[in-house]
């Protein structure tokens, strides 16, 4: 499962380093295979919830 986190509007950094691990921020979004919300929440990040796919009508 892929977790996504949205940076706050004022956030300008391109990476976060936590416990020697570098987490890249691309276009204000962090993508991670692990849930790192406890690391990024104090910085103002919020979870990005994927929108459900709409089935095509036949």
N, C-alpha and C. Protein backbone atom coordinates (compact mmCIF):
# COMPACT_ATOMS: atom_id res chain seq x y z
N UNK A 1 0.85 -1.18 0.00
CA UNK A 1 0.00 0.00 0.00
C UNK A 1 0.90 1.24 0.00
N UNK A 2 0.52 2.22 -0.75
CA UNK A 2 1.27 3.45 -0.86
C UNK A 2 0.58 4.55 -0.06
N UNK A 3 1.30 5.16 0.85
CA UNK A 3 0.77 6.25 1.66
C UNK A 3 1.23 7.57 1.06
N UNK A 4 0.33 8.56 1.04
CA UNK A 4 0.67 9.89 0.52
C UNK A 4 0.32 10.94 1.56
N UNK A 5 1.17 11.96 1.64
CA UNK A 5 1.00 13.04 2.60
C UNK A 5 1.20 14.37 1.87
N UNK A 6 0.30 15.32 2.09
CA UNK A 6 0.35 16.64 1.47
C UNK A 6 0.99 17.63 2.43
N UNK A 7 1.96 18.39 1.92
CA UNK A 7 2.64 19.41 2.72
C UNK A 7 1.73 20.63 2.87
N UNK A 8 1.92 21.39 3.95
CA UNK A 8 1.17 22.64 4.08
C UNK A 8 1.61 23.64 3.01
N UNK A 9 0.79 24.61 2.75
CA UNK A 9 1.04 25.58 1.67
C UNK A 9 2.37 26.31 1.82
N UNK A 10 2.79 26.60 3.03
CA UNK A 10 4.01 27.37 3.26
C UNK A 10 5.28 26.51 3.25
N UNK A 11 5.18 25.21 3.10
CA UNK A 11 6.32 24.30 3.19
C UNK A 11 7.16 24.37 1.92
N UNK A 12 8.46 24.65 2.05
CA UNK A 12 9.33 24.83 0.89
C UNK A 12 10.46 23.81 0.79
N UNK A 13 10.70 23.03 1.82
CA UNK A 13 11.81 22.08 1.82
C UNK A 13 11.57 20.96 0.80
N UNK A 14 12.67 20.37 0.31
CA UNK A 14 12.55 19.28 -0.66
C UNK A 14 12.86 17.92 -0.06
N UNK A 15 13.24 17.89 1.23
CA UNK A 15 13.52 16.61 1.89
C UNK A 15 13.40 16.77 3.40
N UNK A 16 13.10 15.65 4.06
CA UNK A 16 13.04 15.58 5.52
C UNK A 16 14.00 14.46 5.93
N UNK A 17 14.82 14.71 6.94
CA UNK A 17 15.70 13.67 7.45
C UNK A 17 15.25 13.32 8.86
N UNK A 18 14.92 12.05 9.07
CA UNK A 18 14.46 11.58 10.37
C UNK A 18 15.17 10.27 10.68
N UNK A 19 15.90 10.23 11.78
CA UNK A 19 16.63 9.04 12.21
C UNK A 19 17.54 8.52 11.11
N UNK A 20 18.19 9.42 10.40
CA UNK A 20 19.12 9.04 9.35
C UNK A 20 18.47 8.63 8.04
N UNK A 21 17.17 8.71 7.97
CA UNK A 21 16.43 8.35 6.76
C UNK A 21 15.99 9.61 6.03
N UNK A 22 16.31 9.71 4.76
CA UNK A 22 15.94 10.89 3.97
C UNK A 22 14.63 10.62 3.25
N UNK A 23 13.66 11.49 3.46
CA UNK A 23 12.34 11.38 2.85
C UNK A 23 12.18 12.55 1.89
N UNK A 24 12.01 12.26 0.61
CA UNK A 24 11.91 13.32 -0.40
C UNK A 24 10.50 13.88 -0.49
N UNK A 25 10.42 15.19 -0.70
CA UNK A 25 9.14 15.88 -0.89
C UNK A 25 9.11 16.35 -2.34
N UNK A 26 8.21 15.78 -3.14
CA UNK A 26 8.11 16.13 -4.55
C UNK A 26 6.79 16.84 -4.80
N UNK A 27 6.86 18.09 -5.24
CA UNK A 27 5.67 18.90 -5.53
C UNK A 27 4.74 18.98 -4.32
N UNK A 28 5.32 19.05 -3.12
CA UNK A 28 4.52 19.18 -1.91
C UNK A 28 3.88 17.89 -1.44
N UNK A 29 4.30 16.75 -1.99
CA UNK A 29 3.72 15.46 -1.63
C UNK A 29 4.84 14.47 -1.27
N UNK A 30 4.61 13.71 -0.21
CA UNK A 30 5.50 12.62 0.16
C UNK A 30 4.77 11.32 -0.12
N UNK A 31 5.47 10.38 -0.77
CA UNK A 31 4.93 9.05 -0.99
C UNK A 31 5.81 8.06 -0.25
N UNK A 32 5.20 7.12 0.47
CA UNK A 32 5.95 6.16 1.25
C UNK A 32 5.21 4.82 1.28
N UNK A 33 5.99 3.74 1.30
CA UNK A 33 5.40 2.41 1.42
C UNK A 33 4.99 2.13 2.87
N UNK A 34 5.56 2.88 3.80
CA UNK A 34 5.27 2.72 5.22
C UNK A 34 4.48 3.92 5.73
N UNK A 35 3.70 3.71 6.77
CA UNK A 35 2.94 4.79 7.38
C UNK A 35 3.88 5.64 8.23
N UNK A 36 4.22 6.83 7.77
CA UNK A 36 5.14 7.71 8.49
C UNK A 36 4.42 8.96 9.00
N UNK A 37 3.12 8.84 9.18
CA UNK A 37 2.34 10.00 9.61
C UNK A 37 2.84 10.57 10.93
N UNK A 38 3.28 9.72 11.85
CA UNK A 38 3.77 10.19 13.14
C UNK A 38 5.03 11.05 12.99
N UNK A 39 5.74 10.92 11.87
CA UNK A 39 6.93 11.72 11.61
C UNK A 39 6.56 13.06 10.98
N UNK A 40 5.64 13.05 10.01
CA UNK A 40 5.34 14.25 9.24
C UNK A 40 4.20 15.10 9.81
N UNK A 41 3.38 14.53 10.69
CA UNK A 41 2.25 15.28 11.27
C UNK A 41 2.70 16.52 12.04
N UNK A 42 3.76 16.45 12.86
CA UNK A 42 4.19 17.66 13.57
C UNK A 42 4.66 18.79 12.63
N UNK A 43 4.98 18.46 11.39
CA UNK A 43 5.41 19.46 10.42
C UNK A 43 4.23 20.07 9.65
N UNK A 44 3.02 19.58 9.92
CA UNK A 44 1.82 20.13 9.30
C UNK A 44 1.31 19.34 8.11
N UNK A 45 1.89 18.19 7.82
CA UNK A 45 1.44 17.37 6.70
C UNK A 45 0.10 16.72 7.04
N UNK A 46 -0.70 16.45 6.01
CA UNK A 46 -1.97 15.75 6.18
C UNK A 46 -1.99 14.57 5.21
N UNK A 47 -2.78 13.56 5.56
CA UNK A 47 -2.89 12.39 4.68
C UNK A 47 -3.68 12.77 3.44
N UNK A 48 -3.26 12.21 2.31
CA UNK A 48 -3.99 12.37 1.06
C UNK A 48 -4.81 11.11 0.88
N UNK A 49 -6.12 11.28 0.78
CA UNK A 49 -7.01 10.14 0.62
C UNK A 49 -7.32 10.00 -0.87
N UNK A 50 -7.06 8.80 -1.40
CA UNK A 50 -7.32 8.55 -2.82
C UNK A 50 -8.82 8.57 -3.07
N UNK A 51 -9.21 9.22 -4.14
CA UNK A 51 -10.62 9.27 -4.51
C UNK A 51 -11.01 7.94 -5.14
N UNK A 52 -12.17 7.41 -4.80
CA UNK A 52 -12.59 6.14 -5.39
C UNK A 52 -12.78 6.26 -6.90
N UNK A 53 -12.40 5.22 -7.61
CA UNK A 53 -12.54 5.23 -9.05
C UNK A 53 -14.01 5.03 -9.42
N UNK A 54 -14.47 5.78 -10.41
CA UNK A 54 -15.86 5.69 -10.84
C UNK A 54 -15.93 4.66 -11.97
N UNK A 55 -16.81 3.72 -11.84
CA UNK A 55 -16.97 2.69 -12.87
C UNK A 55 -17.59 3.31 -14.13
N UNK A 56 -17.08 2.93 -15.26
CA UNK A 56 -17.59 3.45 -16.53
C UNK A 56 -18.94 2.80 -16.83
N UNK A 57 -19.86 3.60 -17.30
CA UNK A 57 -21.19 3.09 -17.65
C UNK A 57 -21.12 2.47 -19.04
N UNK A 58 -21.79 1.34 -19.21
CA UNK A 58 -21.79 0.71 -20.53
C UNK A 58 -23.00 1.06 -21.33
